[in-house]
PDB file of N, CA and C in Angstrom:
ATOM      1  N   UNK A   1      31.945  21.693  30.981  1.00  0.00           N
ATOM      2  CA  UNK A   1      30.983  22.783  31.117  1.00  0.00           C
ATOM      3  C   UNK A   1      30.033  22.439  32.256  1.00  0.00           C
ATOM      4  N   UNK A   2      29.897  23.351  33.142  1.00  0.00           N
ATOM      5  CA  UNK A   2      29.046  23.143  34.306  1.00  0.00           C
ATOM      6  C   UNK A   2      27.758  23.932  34.132  1.00  0.00           C
ATOM      7  N   UNK A   3      26.623  23.283  34.418  1.00  0.00           N
ATOM      8  CA  UNK A   3      25.327  23.947  34.304  1.00  0.00           C
ATOM      9  C   UNK A   3      24.818  24.372  35.670  1.00  0.00           C
ATOM     10  N   UNK A   4      24.298  25.551  35.703  1.00  0.00           N
ATOM     11  CA  UNK A   4      23.652  26.058  36.911  1.00  0.00           C
ATOM     12  C   UNK A   4      22.145  26.039  36.696  1.00  0.00           C
ATOM     13  N   UNK A   5      21.348  25.992  37.756  1.00  0.00           N
ATOM     14  CA  UNK A   5      19.888  26.022  37.587  1.00  0.00           C
ATOM     15  C   UNK A   5      19.401  27.233  36.806  1.00  0.00           C
ATOM     16  N   UNK A   6      20.091  28.332  36.879  1.00  0.00           N
ATOM     17  CA  UNK A   6      19.664  29.531  36.150  1.00  0.00           C
ATOM     18  C   UNK A   6      19.929  29.394  34.644  1.00  0.00           C
ATOM     19  N   UNK A   7      20.794  28.453  34.242  1.00  0.00           N
ATOM     20  CA  UNK A   7      21.130  28.253  32.829  1.00  0.00           C
ATOM     21  C   UNK A   7      20.047  27.484  32.076  1.00  0.00           C
ATOM     22  N   UNK A   8      19.125  26.847  32.762  1.00  0.00           N
ATOM     23  CA  UNK A   8      18.114  26.028  32.113  1.00  0.00           C
ATOM     24  C   UNK A   8      17.245  26.823  31.150  1.00  0.00           C
ATOM     25  N   UNK A   9      16.973  28.058  31.449  1.00  0.00           N
ATOM     26  CA  UNK A   9      16.170  28.887  30.569  1.00  0.00           C
ATOM     27  C   UNK A   9      16.949  29.316  29.321  1.00  0.00           C
ATOM     28  N   UNK A  10      18.253  29.357  29.405  1.00  0.00           N
ATOM     29  CA  UNK A  10      19.072  29.829  28.296  1.00  0.00           C
ATOM     30  C   UNK A  10      19.301  28.747  27.235  1.00  0.00           C
ATOM     31  N   UNK A  11      19.367  27.494  27.643  1.00  0.00           N
ATOM     32  CA  UNK A  11      19.648  26.399  26.718  1.00  0.00           C
ATOM     33  C   UNK A  11      18.352  25.737  26.261  1.00  0.00           C
ATOM     34  N   UNK A  12      18.326  25.361  25.009  1.00  0.00           N
ATOM     35  CA  UNK A  12      17.153  24.670  24.482  1.00  0.00           C
ATOM     36  C   UNK A  12      17.270  23.176  24.762  1.00  0.00           C
ATOM     37  N   UNK A  13      16.141  22.578  25.021  1.00  0.00           N
ATOM     38  CA  UNK A  13      16.101  21.143  25.248  1.00  0.00           C
ATOM     39  C   UNK A  13      15.905  20.440  23.907  1.00  0.00           C
ATOM     40  N   UNK A  14      16.555  19.323  23.725  1.00  0.00           N
ATOM     41  CA  UNK A  14      16.460  18.562  22.488  1.00  0.00           C
ATOM     42  C   UNK A  14      15.025  18.130  22.209  1.00  0.00           C
ATOM     43  N   UNK A  15      14.285  17.795  23.243  1.00  0.00           N
ATOM     44  CA  UNK A  15      12.905  17.344  23.087  1.00  0.00           C
ATOM     45  C   UNK A  15      11.985  18.429  22.530  1.00  0.00           C
ATOM     46  N   UNK A  16      12.332  19.687  22.706  1.00  0.00           N
ATOM     47  CA  UNK A  16      11.483  20.793  22.264  1.00  0.00           C
ATOM     48  C   UNK A  16      11.773  21.258  20.839  1.00  0.00           C
ATOM     49  N   UNK A  17      12.773  20.679  20.205  1.00  0.00           N
ATOM     50  CA  UNK A  17      13.162  21.113  18.868  1.00  0.00           C
ATOM     51  C   UNK A  17      12.464  20.275  17.796  1.00  0.00           C
ATOM     52  N   UNK A  18      12.145  20.915  16.687  1.00  0.00           N
ATOM     53  CA  UNK A  18      11.624  20.197  15.532  1.00  0.00           C
ATOM     54  C   UNK A  18      12.814  19.586  14.804  1.00  0.00           C
ATOM     55  N   UNK A  19      12.672  18.312  14.412  1.00  0.00           N
ATOM     56  CA  UNK A  19      13.811  17.658  13.786  1.00  0.00           C
ATOM     57  C   UNK A  19      13.402  16.972  12.492  1.00  0.00           C
ATOM     58  N   UNK A  20      14.394  16.714  11.661  1.00  0.00           N
ATOM     59  CA  UNK A  20      14.195  15.932  10.450  1.00  0.00           C
ATOM     60  C   UNK A  20      15.362  14.949  10.369  1.00  0.00           C
ATOM     61  N   UNK A  21      15.037  13.694  10.111  1.00  0.00           N
ATOM     62  CA  UNK A  21      16.039  12.648  10.009  1.00  0.00           C
ATOM     63  C   UNK A  21      16.191  12.287   8.537  1.00  0.00           C
ATOM     64  N   UNK A  22      17.416  12.285   8.033  1.00  0.00           N
ATOM     65  CA  UNK A  22      17.644  12.069   6.605  1.00  0.00           C
ATOM     66  C   UNK A  22      17.170  10.692   6.165  1.00  0.00           C
ATOM     67  N   UNK A  23      17.380   9.663   6.980  1.00  0.00           N
ATOM     68  CA  UNK A  23      16.955   8.318   6.592  1.00  0.00           C
ATOM     69  C   UNK A  23      15.433   8.224   6.469  1.00  0.00           C
ATOM     70  N   UNK A  24      14.727   8.797   7.418  1.00  0.00           N
ATOM     71  CA  UNK A  24      13.259   8.803   7.353  1.00  0.00           C
ATOM     72  C   UNK A  24      12.776   9.630   6.166  1.00  0.00           C
ATOM     73  N   UNK A  25      13.441  10.735   5.896  1.00  0.00           N
ATOM     74  CA  UNK A  25      13.065  11.596   4.785  1.00  0.00           C
ATOM     75  C   UNK A  25      13.230  10.868   3.451  1.00  0.00           C
ATOM     76  N   UNK A  26      14.371  10.213   3.259  1.00  0.00           N
ATOM     77  CA  UNK A  26      14.632   9.471   2.018  1.00  0.00           C
ATOM     78  C   UNK A  26      13.635   8.329   1.872  1.00  0.00           C
ATOM     79  N   UNK A  27      13.347   7.616   2.956  1.00  0.00           N
ATOM     80  CA  UNK A  27      12.374   6.522   2.911  1.00  0.00           C
ATOM     81  C   UNK A  27      11.002   7.022   2.476  1.00  0.00           C
ATOM     82  N   UNK A  28      10.565   8.168   3.012  1.00  0.00           N
ATOM     83  CA  UNK A  28       9.261   8.727   2.666  1.00  0.00           C
ATOM     84  C   UNK A  28       9.222   9.187   1.216  1.00  0.00           C
ATOM     85  N   UNK A  29      10.287   9.813   0.747  1.00  0.00           N
ATOM     86  CA  UNK A  29      10.342  10.268  -0.644  1.00  0.00           C
ATOM     87  C   UNK A  29      10.307   9.070  -1.588  1.00  0.00           C
ATOM     88  N   UNK A  30      11.070   8.039  -1.267  1.00  0.00           N
ATOM     89  CA  UNK A  30      11.067   6.829  -2.100  1.00  0.00           C
ATOM     90  C   UNK A  30       9.682   6.188  -2.131  1.00  0.00           C
ATOM     91  N   UNK A  31       9.032   6.147  -0.995  1.00  0.00           N
ATOM     92  CA  UNK A  31       7.696   5.564  -0.913  1.00  0.00           C
ATOM     93  C   UNK A  31       6.701   6.369  -1.754  1.00  0.00           C
ATOM     94  N   UNK A  32       6.752   7.699  -1.632  1.00  0.00           N
ATOM     95  CA  UNK A  32       5.848   8.561  -2.404  1.00  0.00           C
ATOM     96  C   UNK A  32       6.131   8.450  -3.903  1.00  0.00           C
ATOM     97  N   UNK A  33       7.394   8.415  -4.263  1.00  0.00           N
ATOM     98  CA  UNK A  33       7.777   8.309  -5.672  1.00  0.00           C
ATOM     99  C   UNK A  33       7.334   6.973  -6.256  1.00  0.00           C
ATOM    100  N   UNK A  34       7.549   5.909  -5.511  1.00  0.00           N
ATOM    101  CA  UNK A  34       7.148   4.579  -5.977  1.00  0.00           C
ATOM    102  C   UNK A  34       5.651   4.525  -6.208  1.00  0.00           C
ATOM    103  N   UNK A  35       4.877   5.053  -5.273  1.00  0.00           N
ATOM    104  CA  UNK A  35       3.413   5.027  -5.407  1.00  0.00           C
ATOM    105  C   UNK A  35       2.954   5.851  -6.608  1.00  0.00           C
ATOM    106  N   UNK A  36       3.518   7.048  -6.790  1.00  0.00           N
ATOM    107  CA  UNK A  36       3.095   7.889  -7.918  1.00  0.00           C
ATOM    108  C   UNK A  36       3.483   7.259  -9.259  1.00  0.00           C
ATOM    109  N   UNK A  37       4.654   6.622  -9.315  1.00  0.00           N
ATOM    110  CA  UNK A  37       5.052   5.933 -10.548  1.00  0.00           C
ATOM    111  C   UNK A  37       4.134   4.753 -10.848  1.00  0.00           C
ATOM    112  N   UNK A  38       3.806   3.971  -9.833  1.00  0.00           N
ATOM    113  CA  UNK A  38       2.892   2.844 -10.026  1.00  0.00           C
ATOM    114  C   UNK A  38       1.525   3.314 -10.510  1.00  0.00           C
ATOM    115  N   UNK A  39       0.989   4.343  -9.866  1.00  0.00           N
ATOM    116  CA  UNK A  39      -0.337   4.836 -10.246  1.00  0.00           C
ATOM    117  C   UNK A  39      -0.348   5.414 -11.650  1.00  0.00           C
ATOM    118  N   UNK A  40       0.678   6.152 -12.024  1.00  0.00           N
ATOM    119  CA  UNK A  40       0.693   6.730 -13.372  1.00  0.00           C
ATOM    120  C   UNK A  40       0.856   5.638 -14.427  1.00  0.00           C
ATOM    121  N   UNK A  41       1.651   4.640 -14.136  1.00  0.00           N
ATOM    122  CA  UNK A  41       1.820   3.518 -15.075  1.00  0.00           C
ATOM    123  C   UNK A  41       0.512   2.737 -15.219  1.00  0.00           C
ATOM    124  N   UNK A  42      -0.173   2.495 -14.102  1.00  0.00           N
ATOM    125  CA  UNK A  42      -1.466   1.808 -14.141  1.00  0.00           C
ATOM    126  C   UNK A  42      -2.469   2.570 -14.991  1.00  0.00           C
ATOM    127  N   UNK A  43      -2.537   3.869 -14.777  1.00  0.00           N
ATOM    128  CA  UNK A  43      -3.493   4.690 -15.511  1.00  0.00           C
ATOM    129  C   UNK A  43      -3.183   4.697 -17.000  1.00  0.00           C
ATOM    130  N   UNK A  44      -1.893   4.755 -17.343  1.00  0.00           N
ATOM    131  CA  UNK A  44      -1.495   4.772 -18.745  1.00  0.00           C
ATOM    132  C   UNK A  44      -1.846   3.472 -19.450  1.00  0.00           C
ATOM    133  N   UNK A  45      -1.612   2.349 -18.799  1.00  0.00           N
ATOM    134  CA  UNK A  45      -1.795   1.055 -19.453  1.00  0.00           C
ATOM    135  C   UNK A  45      -3.205   0.498 -19.287  1.00  0.00           C
ATOM    136  N   UNK A  46      -3.718   0.533 -18.074  1.00  0.00           N
ATOM    137  CA  UNK A  46      -4.968  -0.176 -17.777  1.00  0.00           C
ATOM    138  C   UNK A  46      -6.153   0.721 -17.442  1.00  0.00           C
ATOM    139  N   UNK A  47      -6.009   1.991 -17.535  1.00  0.00           N
ATOM    140  CA  UNK A  47      -7.140   2.878 -17.263  1.00  0.00           C
ATOM    141  C   UNK A  47      -7.252   3.235 -15.798  1.00  0.00           C
ATOM    142  N   UNK A  48      -8.441   3.144 -15.282  1.00  0.00           N
ATOM    143  CA  UNK A  48      -8.737   3.678 -13.961  1.00  0.00           C
ATOM    144  C   UNK A  48      -8.677   2.612 -12.864  1.00  0.00           C
ATOM    145  N   UNK A  49      -7.508   2.020 -12.623  1.00  0.00           N
ATOM    146  CA  UNK A  49      -7.331   1.069 -11.525  1.00  0.00           C
ATOM    147  C   UNK A  49      -6.700   1.788 -10.343  1.00  0.00           C
ATOM    148  N   UNK A  50      -7.117   1.409  -9.154  1.00  0.00           N
ATOM    149  CA  UNK A  50      -6.606   2.060  -7.943  1.00  0.00           C
ATOM    150  C   UNK A  50      -5.745   1.108  -7.143  1.00  0.00           C
ATOM    151  N   UNK A  51      -4.878   1.693  -6.325  1.00  0.00           N
ATOM    152  CA  UNK A  51      -3.996   0.932  -5.446  1.00  0.00           C
ATOM    153  C   UNK A  51      -4.271   1.276  -3.996  1.00  0.00           C
ATOM    154  N   UNK A  52      -3.932   0.344  -3.130  1.00  0.00           N
ATOM    155  CA  UNK A  52      -3.933   0.598  -1.698  1.00  0.00           C
ATOM    156  C   UNK A  52      -2.730  -0.129  -1.118  1.00  0.00           C
ATOM    157  N   UNK A  53      -2.392   0.168   0.106  1.00  0.00           N
ATOM    158  CA  UNK A  53      -1.263  -0.492   0.754  1.00  0.00           C
ATOM    159  C   UNK A  53      -1.662  -1.003   2.125  1.00  0.00           C
ATOM    160  N   UNK A  54      -0.948  -2.018   2.570  1.00  0.00           N
ATOM    161  CA  UNK A  54      -1.047  -2.468   3.949  1.00  0.00           C
ATOM    162  C   UNK A  54       0.357  -2.447   4.518  1.00  0.00           C
ATOM    163  N   UNK A  55       0.440  -2.303   5.808  1.00  0.00           N
ATOM    164  CA  UNK A  55       1.743  -2.273   6.464  1.00  0.00           C
ATOM    165  C   UNK A  55       2.256  -3.682   6.660  1.00  0.00           C
ATOM    166  N   UNK A  56       3.539  -3.845   6.465  1.00  0.00           N
ATOM    167  CA  UNK A  56       4.177  -5.126   6.718  1.00  0.00           C
ATOM    168  C   UNK A  56       5.083  -4.984   7.934  1.00  0.00           C
ATOM    169  N   UNK A  57       5.702  -6.072   8.291  1.00  0.00           N
ATOM    170  CA  UNK A  57       6.622  -6.006   9.424  1.00  0.00           C
ATOM    171  C   UNK A  57       7.790  -5.096   9.100  1.00  0.00           C
ATOM    172  N   UNK A  58       8.365  -4.513  10.089  1.00  0.00           N
ATOM    173  CA  UNK A  58       9.540  -3.650   9.959  1.00  0.00           C
ATOM    174  C   UNK A  58       9.259  -2.425   9.097  1.00  0.00           C
ATOM    175  N   UNK A  59       8.064  -1.862   9.234  1.00  0.00           N
ATOM    176  CA  UNK A  59       7.667  -0.603   8.599  1.00  0.00           C
ATOM    177  C   UNK A  59       7.678  -0.640   7.080  1.00  0.00           C
ATOM    178  N   UNK A  60       7.476  -1.788   6.485  1.00  0.00           N
ATOM    179  CA  UNK A  60       7.372  -1.889   5.039  1.00  0.00           C
ATOM    180  C   UNK A  60       5.921  -1.720   4.610  1.00  0.00           C
ATOM    181  N   UNK A  61       5.682  -1.824   3.323  1.00  0.00           N
ATOM    182  CA  UNK A  61       4.310  -1.752   2.833  1.00  0.00           C
ATOM    183  C   UNK A  61       4.148  -2.686   1.636  1.00  0.00           C
ATOM    184  N   UNK A  62       2.947  -3.222   1.508  1.00  0.00           N
ATOM    185  CA  UNK A  62       2.613  -4.117   0.401  1.00  0.00           C
ATOM    186  C   UNK A  62       1.522  -3.449  -0.416  1.00  0.00           C
ATOM    187  N   UNK A  63       1.689  -3.463  -1.724  1.00  0.00           N
ATOM    188  CA  UNK A  63       0.710  -2.844  -2.611  1.00  0.00           C
ATOM    189  C   UNK A  63      -0.342  -3.858  -3.029  1.00  0.00           C
ATOM    190  N   UNK A  64      -1.573  -3.381  -3.160  1.00  0.00           N
ATOM    191  CA  UNK A  64      -2.712  -4.186  -3.591  1.00  0.00           C
ATOM    192  C   UNK A  64      -3.506  -3.400  -4.622  1.00  0.00           C
ATOM    193  N   UNK A  65      -4.152  -4.124  -5.546  1.00  0.00           N
ATOM    194  CA  UNK A  65      -5.149  -3.498  -6.406  1.00  0.00           C
ATOM    195  C   UNK A  65      -6.445  -3.377  -5.610  1.00  0.00           C
ATOM    196  N   UNK A  66      -7.264  -2.410  -5.965  1.00  0.00           N
ATOM    197  CA  UNK A  66      -8.615  -2.321  -5.432  1.00  0.00           C
ATOM    198  C   UNK A  66      -9.548  -2.779  -6.546  1.00  0.00           C
ATOM    199  N   UNK A  67     -10.310  -3.821  -6.269  1.00  0.00           N
ATOM    200  CA  UNK A  67     -11.237  -4.337  -7.271  1.00  0.00           C
ATOM    201  C   UNK A  67     -12.314  -3.288  -7.534  1.00  0.00           C
ATOM    202  N   UNK A  68     -12.527  -2.892  -8.791  1.00  0.00           N
ATOM    203  CA  UNK A  68     -13.531  -1.866  -9.089  1.00  0.00           C
ATOM    204  C   UNK A  68     -14.963  -2.296  -8.783  1.00  0.00           C
ATOM    205  N   UNK A  69     -15.204  -3.598  -8.725  1.00  0.00           N
ATOM    206  CA  UNK A  69     -16.572  -4.071  -8.491  1.00  0.00           C
ATOM    207  C   UNK A  69     -16.910  -4.171  -6.997  1.00  0.00           C
ATOM    208  N   UNK A  70     -16.063  -4.871  -6.217  1.00  0.00           N
ATOM    209  CA  UNK A  70     -16.373  -5.077  -4.792  1.00  0.00           C
ATOM    210  C   UNK A  70     -15.582  -4.154  -3.870  1.00  0.00           C
ATOM    211  N   UNK A  71     -14.619  -3.414  -4.420  1.00  0.00           N
ATOM    212  CA  UNK A  71     -13.745  -2.500  -3.680  1.00  0.00           C
ATOM    213  C   UNK A  71     -12.858  -3.204  -2.654  1.00  0.00           C
ATOM    214  N   UNK A  72     -12.666  -4.515  -2.835  1.00  0.00           N
ATOM    215  CA  UNK A  72     -11.781  -5.273  -1.958  1.00  0.00           C
ATOM    216  C   UNK A  72     -10.357  -5.256  -2.464  1.00  0.00           C
ATOM    217  N   UNK A  73      -9.429  -5.682  -1.607  1.00  0.00           N
ATOM    218  CA  UNK A  73      -8.026  -5.772  -2.003  1.00  0.00           C
ATOM    219  C   UNK A  73      -7.796  -7.043  -2.804  1.00  0.00           C
ATOM    220  N   UNK A  74      -6.933  -6.946  -3.799  1.00  0.00           N
ATOM    221  CA  UNK A  74      -6.595  -8.126  -4.599  1.00  0.00           C
ATOM    222  C   UNK A  74      -5.164  -7.999  -5.102  1.00  0.00           C
ATOM    223  N   UNK A  75      -4.470  -9.116  -5.115  1.00  0.00           N
ATOM    224  CA  UNK A  75      -3.125  -9.143  -5.659  1.00  0.00           C
ATOM    225  C   UNK A  75      -3.129  -9.286  -7.171  1.00  0.00           C
ATOM    226  N   UNK A  76      -4.198  -9.880  -7.699  1.00  0.00           N
ATOM    227  CA  UNK A  76      -4.327 -10.094  -9.138  1.00  0.00           C
ATOM    228  C   UNK A  76      -5.742  -9.751  -9.567  1.00  0.00           C
ATOM    229  N   UNK A  77      -5.860  -9.060 -10.681  1.00  0.00           N
ATOM    230  CA  UNK A  77      -7.163  -8.777 -11.277  1.00  0.00           C
ATOM    231  C   UNK A  77      -7.230  -9.475 -12.626  1.00  0.00           C
ATOM    232  N   UNK A  78      -8.421  -9.879 -13.014  1.00  0.00           N
ATOM    233  CA  UNK A  78      -8.626 -10.601 -14.268  1.00  0.00           C
ATOM    234  C   UNK A  78      -9.589  -9.820 -15.156  1.00  0.00           C
ATOM    235  N   UNK A  79      -9.342  -9.857 -16.443  1.00  0.00           N
ATOM    236  CA  UNK A  79     -10.201  -9.141 -17.381  1.00  0.00           C
ATOM    237  C   UNK A  79     -11.523  -9.877 -17.522  1.00  0.00           C
ATOM    238  N   UNK A  80     -12.600  -9.193 -17.204  1.00  0.00           N
ATOM    239  CA  UNK A  80     -13.936  -9.768 -17.321  1.00  0.00           C
ATOM    240  C   UNK A  80     -14.460  -9.513 -18.728  1.00  0.00           C
ATOM    241  N   UNK A  81     -14.864 -10.565 -19.398  1.00  0.00           N
ATOM    242  CA  UNK A  81     -15.385 -10.410 -20.755  1.00  0.00           C
ATOM    243  C   UNK A  81     -16.747  -9.716 -20.746  1.00  0.00           C
ATOM    244  N   UNK A  82     -17.556  -9.977 -19.725  1.00  0.00           N
ATOM    245  CA  UNK A  82     -18.892  -9.370 -19.632  1.00  0.00           C
ATOM    246  C   UNK A  82     -18.808  -7.865 -19.389  1.00  0.00           C
ATOM    247  N   UNK A  83     -17.951  -7.472 -18.430  1.00  0.00           N
ATOM    248  CA  UNK A  83     -17.885  -6.063 -18.033  1.00  0.00           C
ATOM    249  C   UNK A  83     -16.820  -5.279 -18.790  1.00  0.00           C
ATOM    250  N   UNK A  84     -15.940  -5.974 -19.489  1.00  0.00           N
ATOM    251  CA  UNK A  84     -14.818  -5.360 -20.211  1.00  0.00           C
ATOM    252  C   UNK A  84     -13.956  -4.507 -19.280  1.00  0.00           C
ATOM    253  N   UNK A  85     -13.734  -5.006 -18.058  1.00  0.00           N
ATOM    254  CA  UNK A  85     -12.807  -4.354 -17.139  1.00  0.00           C
ATOM    255  C   UNK A  85     -12.191  -5.408 -16.233  1.00  0.00           C
ATOM    256  N   UNK A  86     -11.142  -5.017 -15.541  1.00  0.00           N
ATOM    257  CA  UNK A  86     -10.448  -5.934 -14.653  1.00  0.00           C
ATOM    258  C   UNK A  86     -11.160  -5.991 -13.304  1.00  0.00           C
ATOM    259  N   UNK A  87     -11.429  -7.214 -12.829  1.00  0.00           N
ATOM    260  CA  UNK A  87     -12.022  -7.413 -11.504  1.00  0.00           C
ATOM    261  C   UNK A  87     -11.351  -8.614 -10.843  1.00  0.00           C
ATOM    262  N   UNK A  88     -11.563  -8.776  -9.545  1.00  0.00           N
ATOM    263  CA  UNK A  88     -10.910  -9.851  -8.794  1.00  0.00           C
ATOM    264  C   UNK A  88     -11.559 -11.202  -9.090  1.00  0.00           C
ATOM    265  N   UNK A  89     -10.891 -12.269  -8.677  1.00  0.00           N
ATOM    266  CA  UNK A  89     -11.394 -13.613  -8.971  1.00  0.00           C
ATOM    267  C   UNK A  89     -12.669 -13.929  -8.209  1.00  0.00           C
ATOM    268  N   UNK A  90     -12.854 -13.329  -7.038  1.00  0.00           N
ATOM    269  CA  UNK A  90     -14.087 -13.574  -6.283  1.00  0.00           C
ATOM    270  C   UNK A  90     -15.292 -12.999  -7.017  1.00  0.00           C
ATOM    271  N   UNK A  91     -15.140 -11.820  -7.575  1.00  0.00           N
ATOM    272  CA  UNK A  91     -16.237 -11.207  -8.326  1.00  0.00           C
ATOM    273  C   UNK A  91     -16.533 -11.980  -9.614  1.00  0.00           C
ATOM    274  N   UNK A  92     -15.512 -12.597 -10.181  1.00  0.00           N
ATOM    275  CA  UNK A  92     -15.712 -13.387 -11.397  1.00  0.00           C
ATOM    276  C   UNK A  92     -16.089 -14.831 -11.080  1.00  0.00           C
ATOM    277  N   UNK A  93     -16.084 -15.169  -9.802  1.00  0.00           N
ATOM    278  CA  UNK A  93     -16.395 -16.528  -9.335  1.00  0.00           C
ATOM    279  C   UNK A  93     -15.449 -17.559  -9.940  1.00  0.00           C
ATOM    280  N   UNK A  94     -14.168 -17.214  -9.913  1.00  0.00           N
ATOM    281  CA  UNK A  94     -13.123 -18.115 -10.385  1.00  0.00           C
ATOM    282  C   UNK A  94     -12.622 -18.900  -9.188  1.00  0.00           C
ATOM    283  N   UNK A  95     -12.567 -20.229  -9.330  1.00  0.00           N
ATOM    284  CA  UNK A  95     -12.049 -21.086  -8.268  1.00  0.00           C
ATOM    285  C   UNK A  95     -10.677 -21.607  -8.664  1.00  0.00           C
ATOM    286  N   UNK A  96      -9.857 -21.860  -7.669  1.00  0.00           N
ATOM    287  CA  UNK A  96      -8.598 -22.542  -7.921  1.00  0.00           C
ATOM    288  C   UNK A  96      -8.900 -24.001  -8.249  1.00  0.00           C
ATOM    289  N   UNK A  97      -7.968 -24.684  -8.880  1.00  0.00           N
ATOM    290  CA  UNK A  97      -8.173 -26.061  -9.309  1.00  0.00           C
ATOM    291  C   UNK A  97      -8.566 -26.953  -8.124  1.00  0.00           C
ATOM    292  N   UNK A  98      -7.875 -26.825  -7.009  1.00  0.00           N
ATOM    293  CA  UNK A  98      -8.186 -27.652  -5.836  1.00  0.00           C
ATOM    294  C   UNK A  98      -9.580 -27.363  -5.307  1.00  0.00           C
ATOM    295  N   UNK A  99     -10.005 -26.104  -5.383  1.00  0.00           N
ATOM    296  CA  UNK A  99     -11.354 -25.762  -4.928  1.00  0.00           C
ATOM    297  C   UNK A  99     -12.398 -26.396  -5.836  1.00  0.00           C
ATOM    298  N   UNK A 100     -12.155 -26.405  -7.127  1.00  0.00           N
ATOM    299  CA  UNK A 100     -13.098 -27.036  -8.060  1.00  0.00           C
ATOM    300  C   UNK A 100     -13.239 -28.513  -7.747  1.00  0.00           C
ATOM    301  N   UNK A 101     -12.106 -29.173  -7.519  1.00  0.00           N
ATOM    302  CA  UNK A 101     -12.124 -30.598  -7.218  1.00  0.00           C
ATOM    303  C   UNK A 101     -12.854 -30.858  -5.897  1.00  0.00           C
ATOM    304  N   UNK A 102     -12.576 -30.040  -4.917  1.00  0.00           N
ATOM    305  CA  UNK A 102     -13.187 -30.192  -3.597  1.00  0.00           C
ATOM    306  C   UNK A 102     -14.697 -30.016  -3.683  1.00  0.00           C
ATOM    307  N   UNK A 103     -15.158 -28.991  -4.395  1.00  0.00           N
ATOM    308  CA  UNK A 103     -16.603 -28.728  -4.479  1.00  0.00           C
ATOM    309  C   UNK A 103     -17.314 -29.725  -5.376  1.00  0.00           C
ATOM    310  N   UNK A 104     -16.687 -30.167  -6.452  1.00  0.00           N
ATOM    311  CA  UNK A 104     -17.351 -31.104  -7.351  1.00  0.00           C
ATOM    312  C   UNK A 104     -17.469 -32.480  -6.696  1.00  0.00           C
ATOM    313  N   UNK A 105     -16.621 -32.765  -5.742  1.00  0.00           N
ATOM    314  CA  UNK A 105     -16.652 -34.031  -5.023  1.00  0.00           C
ATOM    315  C   UNK A 105     -17.911 -34.159  -4.159  1.00  0.00           C
ATOM    316  N   UNK A 106     -18.378 -33.020  -3.631  1.00  0.00           N
ATOM    317  CA  UNK A 106     -19.531 -33.040  -2.722  1.00  0.00           C
ATOM    318  C   UNK A 106     -20.844 -32.727  -3.416  1.00  0.00           C
ATOM    319  N   UNK A 107     -20.816 -32.272  -4.640  1.00  0.00           N
ATOM    320  CA  UNK A 107     -22.068 -31.919  -5.320  1.00  0.00           C
ATOM    321  C   UNK A 107     -22.497 -32.946  -6.319  1.00  0.00           C
TER     322      UNK A 107
END
């Protein structure tokens, strides 16, 4: 098929078309479904805990809890006896064993 300059107006350019890619679509649906399932499960079991995500390499995502007290990201929340809710270890002032040893050595 030979194109003439006058044919340019008749044919659509690929760059001007709206497109949808099945792989990207499935990835987005899976991501949305996973997030909604996680949030509904959290709400059912633990009440009002929130999630956030960060991007990982190769377009992945990592889920984090949002600490209700400091609003920071946390991989693990601990039940606070004083507040009767889950908060991060920094808010509860929990140290790892090595940190306790390190700090008690200097004090």
